[in-house]
């Protein structure tokens, strides 16, 4: 992932943006684990959970 390379350079963005193409569960968990803010579009057919375990 390109973001991993940017983080390896020592850059710490406040927010990461992207379109729904990058809104996979793995990518969103990666961003959360890195404690980065993100604004990423979600496809209209994607299920999301605000409360863990409830969709």
PDB file of N, CA and C in Angstrom:
ATOM      1  N   UNK A   1       0.845  -1.171   0.000  1.00  0.00           N
ATOM      2  CA  UNK A   1       0.000   0.000   0.000  1.00  0.00           C
ATOM      3  C   UNK A   1       0.893   1.237   0.000  1.00  0.00           C
ATOM      4  N   UNK A   2       0.543   2.186  -0.805  1.00  0.00           N
ATOM      5  CA  UNK A   2       1.331   3.416  -0.918  1.00  0.00           C
ATOM      6  C   UNK A   2       1.405   4.147   0.425  1.00  0.00           C
ATOM      7  N   UNK A   3       0.342   4.090   1.194  1.00  0.00           N
ATOM      8  CA  UNK A   3       0.325   4.779   2.480  1.00  0.00           C
ATOM      9  C   UNK A   3       1.380   4.212   3.422  1.00  0.00           C
ATOM     10  N   UNK A   4       1.630   2.928   3.368  1.00  0.00           N
ATOM     11  CA  UNK A   4       2.677   2.315   4.202  1.00  0.00           C
ATOM     12  C   UNK A   4       4.028   2.924   3.886  1.00  0.00           C
ATOM     13  N   UNK A   5       4.272   3.167   2.610  1.00  0.00           N
ATOM     14  CA  UNK A   5       5.538   3.781   2.195  1.00  0.00           C
ATOM     15  C   UNK A   5       5.650   5.207   2.722  1.00  0.00           C
ATOM     16  N   UNK A   6       4.570   5.959   2.634  1.00  0.00           N
ATOM     17  CA  UNK A   6       4.563   7.338   3.132  1.00  0.00           C
ATOM     18  C   UNK A   6       4.835   7.356   4.632  1.00  0.00           C
ATOM     19  N   UNK A   7       4.207   6.443   5.373  1.00  0.00           N
ATOM     20  CA  UNK A   7       4.436   6.366   6.818  1.00  0.00           C
ATOM     21  C   UNK A   7       5.878   5.977   7.122  1.00  0.00           C
ATOM     22  N   UNK A   8       6.462   5.107   6.301  1.00  0.00           N
ATOM     23  CA  UNK A   8       7.860   4.708   6.482  1.00  0.00           C
ATOM     24  C   UNK A   8       8.812   5.884   6.282  1.00  0.00           C
ATOM     25  N   UNK A   9       8.412   6.861   5.473  1.00  0.00           N
ATOM     26  CA  UNK A   9       9.225   8.065   5.270  1.00  0.00           C
ATOM     27  C   UNK A   9       9.200   8.969   6.493  1.00  0.00           C
ATOM     28  N   UNK A  10       8.271   8.695   7.418  1.00  0.00           N
ATOM     29  CA  UNK A  10       8.151   9.529   8.600  1.00  0.00           C
ATOM     30  C   UNK A  10       7.062  10.586   8.501  1.00  0.00           C
ATOM     31  N   UNK A  11       6.310  10.581   7.412  1.00  0.00           N
ATOM     32  CA  UNK A  11       5.215  11.535   7.258  1.00  0.00           C
ATOM     33  C   UNK A  11       3.974  10.998   7.961  1.00  0.00           C
ATOM     34  N   UNK A  12       3.290  11.845   8.705  1.00  0.00           N
ATOM     35  CA  UNK A  12       2.079  11.453   9.420  1.00  0.00           C
ATOM     36  C   UNK A  12       0.932  12.377   9.011  1.00  0.00           C
ATOM     37  N   UNK A  13       0.183  12.011   7.971  1.00  0.00           N
ATOM     38  CA  UNK A  13      -0.930  12.867   7.569  1.00  0.00           C
ATOM     39  C   UNK A  13      -2.005  12.890   8.655  1.00  0.00           C
ATOM     40  N   UNK A  14      -2.723  13.996   8.732  1.00  0.00           N
ATOM     41  CA  UNK A  14      -3.824  14.097   9.688  1.00  0.00           C
ATOM     42  C   UNK A  14      -5.022  13.322   9.162  1.00  0.00           C
ATOM     43  N   UNK A  15      -5.300  13.476   7.861  1.00  0.00           N
ATOM     44  CA  UNK A  15      -6.414  12.780   7.218  1.00  0.00           C
ATOM     45  C   UNK A  15      -5.959  12.127   5.927  1.00  0.00           C
ATOM     46  N   UNK A  16      -6.608  11.019   5.604  1.00  0.00           N
ATOM     47  CA  UNK A  16      -6.404  10.326   4.337  1.00  0.00           C
ATOM     48  C   UNK A  16      -7.761  10.318   3.638  1.00  0.00           C
ATOM     49  N   UNK A  17      -7.786  10.651   2.367  1.00  0.00           N
ATOM     50  CA  UNK A  17      -9.036  10.630   1.609  1.00  0.00           C
ATOM     51  C   UNK A  17      -8.944   9.619   0.475  1.00  0.00           C
ATOM     52  N   UNK A  18     -10.087   9.120   0.056  1.00  0.00           N
ATOM     53  CA  UNK A  18     -10.113   8.180  -1.051  1.00  0.00           C
ATOM     54  C   UNK A  18     -11.544   7.918  -1.491  1.00  0.00           C
ATOM     55  N   UNK A  19     -11.693   7.286  -2.635  1.00  0.00           N
ATOM     56  CA  UNK A  19     -13.037   6.966  -3.099  1.00  0.00           C
ATOM     57  C   UNK A  19     -13.420   5.556  -2.663  1.00  0.00           C
ATOM     58  N   UNK A  20     -14.601   5.127  -3.041  1.00  0.00           N
ATOM     59  CA  UNK A  20     -15.122   3.842  -2.569  1.00  0.00           C
ATOM     60  C   UNK A  20     -14.280   2.645  -3.018  1.00  0.00           C
ATOM     61  N   UNK A  21     -13.464   2.824  -4.017  1.00  0.00           N
ATOM     62  CA  UNK A  21     -12.585   1.747  -4.481  1.00  0.00           C
ATOM     63  C   UNK A  21     -11.656   1.271  -3.358  1.00  0.00           C
ATOM     64  N   UNK A  22     -11.286   2.182  -2.442  1.00  0.00           N
ATOM     65  CA  UNK A  22     -10.339   1.875  -1.367  1.00  0.00           C
ATOM     66  C   UNK A  22     -11.017   1.604  -0.028  1.00  0.00           C
ATOM     67  N   UNK A  23     -12.333   1.436  -0.023  1.00  0.00           N
ATOM     68  CA  UNK A  23     -13.047   1.298   1.240  1.00  0.00           C
ATOM     69  C   UNK A  23     -13.210  -0.153   1.695  1.00  0.00           C
ATOM     70  N   UNK A  24     -12.218  -0.978   1.421  1.00  0.00           N
ATOM     71  CA  UNK A  24     -12.304  -2.365   1.878  1.00  0.00           C
ATOM     72  C   UNK A  24     -12.149  -2.418   3.396  1.00  0.00           C
ATOM     73  N   UNK A  25     -12.646  -3.463   3.972  1.00  0.00           N
ATOM     74  CA  UNK A  25     -12.561  -3.660   5.422  1.00  0.00           C
ATOM     75  C   UNK A  25     -11.108  -3.616   5.890  1.00  0.00           C
ATOM     76  N   UNK A  26     -10.230  -4.255   5.128  1.00  0.00           N
ATOM     77  CA  UNK A  26      -8.810  -4.301   5.501  1.00  0.00           C
ATOM     78  C   UNK A  26      -8.189  -2.903   5.489  1.00  0.00           C
ATOM     79  N   UNK A  27      -8.495  -2.114   4.471  1.00  0.00           N
ATOM     80  CA  UNK A  27      -7.938  -0.760   4.390  1.00  0.00           C
ATOM     81  C   UNK A  27      -8.442   0.124   5.522  1.00  0.00           C
ATOM     82  N   UNK A  28      -9.737   0.033   5.824  1.00  0.00           N
ATOM     83  CA  UNK A  28     -10.292   0.855   6.896  1.00  0.00           C
ATOM     84  C   UNK A  28      -9.715   0.459   8.253  1.00  0.00           C
ATOM     85  N   UNK A  29      -9.534  -0.839   8.478  1.00  0.00           N
ATOM     86  CA  UNK A  29      -8.919  -1.290   9.739  1.00  0.00           C
ATOM     87  C   UNK A  29      -7.462  -0.838   9.831  1.00  0.00           C
ATOM     88  N   UNK A  30      -6.756  -0.851   8.702  1.00  0.00           N
ATOM     89  CA  UNK A  30      -5.369  -0.387   8.677  1.00  0.00           C
ATOM     90  C   UNK A  30      -5.290   1.083   9.088  1.00  0.00           C
ATOM     91  N   UNK A  31      -6.162   1.908   8.511  1.00  0.00           N
ATOM     92  CA  UNK A  31      -6.172   3.335   8.833  1.00  0.00           C
ATOM     93  C   UNK A  31      -6.491   3.561  10.307  1.00  0.00           C
ATOM     94  N   UNK A  32      -7.443   2.809  10.823  1.00  0.00           N
ATOM     95  CA  UNK A  32      -7.810   2.940  12.238  1.00  0.00           C
ATOM     96  C   UNK A  32      -6.641   2.527  13.131  1.00  0.00           C
ATOM     97  N   UNK A  33      -5.974   1.434  12.778  1.00  0.00           N
ATOM     98  CA  UNK A  33      -4.832   0.952  13.570  1.00  0.00           C
ATOM     99  C   UNK A  33      -3.694   1.964  13.565  1.00  0.00           C
ATOM    100  N   UNK A  34      -3.511   2.670  12.455  1.00  0.00           N
ATOM    101  CA  UNK A  34      -2.460   3.679  12.353  1.00  0.00           C
ATOM    102  C   UNK A  34      -2.866   4.998  13.026  1.00  0.00           C
ATOM    103  N   UNK A  35      -4.088   5.044  13.551  1.00  0.00           N
ATOM    104  CA  UNK A  35      -4.637   6.223  14.224  1.00  0.00           C
ATOM    105  C   UNK A  35      -4.649   7.447  13.302  1.00  0.00           C
ATOM    106  N   UNK A  36      -5.036   7.200  12.048  1.00  0.00           N
ATOM    107  CA  UNK A  36      -5.160   8.264  11.063  1.00  0.00           C
ATOM    108  C   UNK A  36      -6.641   8.572  10.841  1.00  0.00           C
ATOM    109  N   UNK A  37      -6.956   9.839  10.701  1.00  0.00           N
ATOM    110  CA  UNK A  37      -8.308  10.205  10.322  1.00  0.00           C
ATOM    111  C   UNK A  37      -8.504   9.869   8.856  1.00  0.00           C
ATOM    112  N   UNK A  38      -9.721   9.517   8.478  1.00  0.00           N
ATOM    113  CA  UNK A  38      -9.947   9.210   7.071  1.00  0.00           C
ATOM    114  C   UNK A  38     -11.350   9.616   6.639  1.00  0.00           C
ATOM    115  N   UNK A  39     -11.430  10.013   5.385  1.00  0.00           N
ATOM    116  CA  UNK A  39     -12.696  10.330   4.729  1.00  0.00           C
ATOM    117  C   UNK A  39     -12.689   9.551   3.417  1.00  0.00           C
ATOM    118  N   UNK A  40     -13.419   8.451   3.417  1.00  0.00           N
ATOM    119  CA  UNK A  40     -13.425   7.564   2.258  1.00  0.00           C
ATOM    120  C   UNK A  40     -14.864   7.258   1.899  1.00  0.00           C
ATOM    121  N   UNK A  41     -15.176   7.377   0.631  1.00  0.00           N
ATOM    122  CA  UNK A  41     -16.521   7.070   0.158  1.00  0.00           C
ATOM    123  C   UNK A  41     -16.844   5.604   0.374  1.00  0.00           C
ATOM    124  N   UNK A  42     -18.094   5.333   0.675  1.00  0.00           N
ATOM    125  CA  UNK A  42     -18.552   3.963   0.876  1.00  0.00           C
ATOM    126  C   UNK A  42     -19.573   3.647  -0.220  1.00  0.00           C
ATOM    127  N   UNK A  43     -19.403   2.502  -0.866  1.00  0.00           N
ATOM    128  CA  UNK A  43     -20.345   2.087  -1.912  1.00  0.00           C
ATOM    129  C   UNK A  43     -21.742   1.924  -1.322  1.00  0.00           C
ATOM    130  N   UNK A  44     -22.754   2.208  -2.106  1.00  0.00           N
ATOM    131  CA  UNK A  44     -24.121   2.189  -1.595  1.00  0.00           C
ATOM    132  C   UNK A  44     -24.584   0.798  -1.178  1.00  0.00           C
ATOM    133  N   UNK A  45     -23.927  -0.253  -1.644  1.00  0.00           N
ATOM    134  CA  UNK A  45     -24.326  -1.603  -1.258  1.00  0.00           C
ATOM    135  C   UNK A  45     -23.457  -2.170  -0.122  1.00  0.00           C
ATOM    136  N   UNK A  46     -22.629  -1.352   0.492  1.00  0.00           N
ATOM    137  CA  UNK A  46     -21.723  -1.804   1.567  1.00  0.00           C
ATOM    138  C   UNK A  46     -22.437  -1.727   2.909  1.00  0.00           C
ATOM    139  N   UNK A  47     -22.284  -2.776   3.720  1.00  0.00           N
ATOM    140  CA  UNK A  47     -22.814  -2.749   5.078  1.00  0.00           C
ATOM    141  C   UNK A  47     -21.755  -2.169   5.996  1.00  0.00           C
ATOM    142  N   UNK A  48     -22.175  -1.317   6.901  1.00  0.00           N
ATOM    143  CA  UNK A  48     -21.245  -0.719   7.857  1.00  0.00           C
ATOM    144  C   UNK A  48     -21.799  -0.897   9.264  1.00  0.00           C
ATOM    145  N   UNK A  49     -20.908  -0.846  10.226  1.00  0.00           N
ATOM    146  CA  UNK A  49     -21.292  -0.986  11.619  1.00  0.00           C
ATOM    147  C   UNK A  49     -20.769   0.199  12.397  1.00  0.00           C
ATOM    148  N   UNK A  50     -21.663   0.929  13.002  1.00  0.00           N
ATOM    149  CA  UNK A  50     -21.260   2.015  13.907  1.00  0.00           C
ATOM    150  C   UNK A  50     -21.005   1.422  15.284  1.00  0.00           C
ATOM    151  N   UNK A  51     -21.845   0.458  15.667  1.00  0.00           N
ATOM    152  CA  UNK A  51     -21.679  -0.271  16.919  1.00  0.00           C
ATOM    153  C   UNK A  51     -21.199  -1.667  16.547  1.00  0.00           C
ATOM    154  N   UNK A  52     -20.116  -2.122  17.167  1.00  0.00           N
ATOM    155  CA  UNK A  52     -19.525  -3.415  16.817  1.00  0.00           C
ATOM    156  C   UNK A  52     -20.558  -4.526  16.860  1.00  0.00           C
ATOM    157  N   UNK A  53     -20.679  -5.244  15.769  1.00  0.00           N
ATOM    158  CA  UNK A  53     -21.589  -6.375  15.676  1.00  0.00           C
ATOM    159  C   UNK A  53     -22.992  -6.032  15.198  1.00  0.00           C
ATOM    160  N   UNK A  54     -23.313  -4.743  15.053  1.00  0.00           N
ATOM    161  CA  UNK A  54     -24.631  -4.335  14.565  1.00  0.00           C
ATOM    162  C   UNK A  54     -24.449  -3.626  13.228  1.00  0.00           C
ATOM    163  N   UNK A  55     -25.183  -4.086  12.196  1.00  0.00           N
ATOM    164  CA  UNK A  55     -25.056  -3.508  10.863  1.00  0.00           C
ATOM    165  C   UNK A  55     -26.303  -2.755  10.482  1.00  0.00           C
TER     166      UNK A  55
END
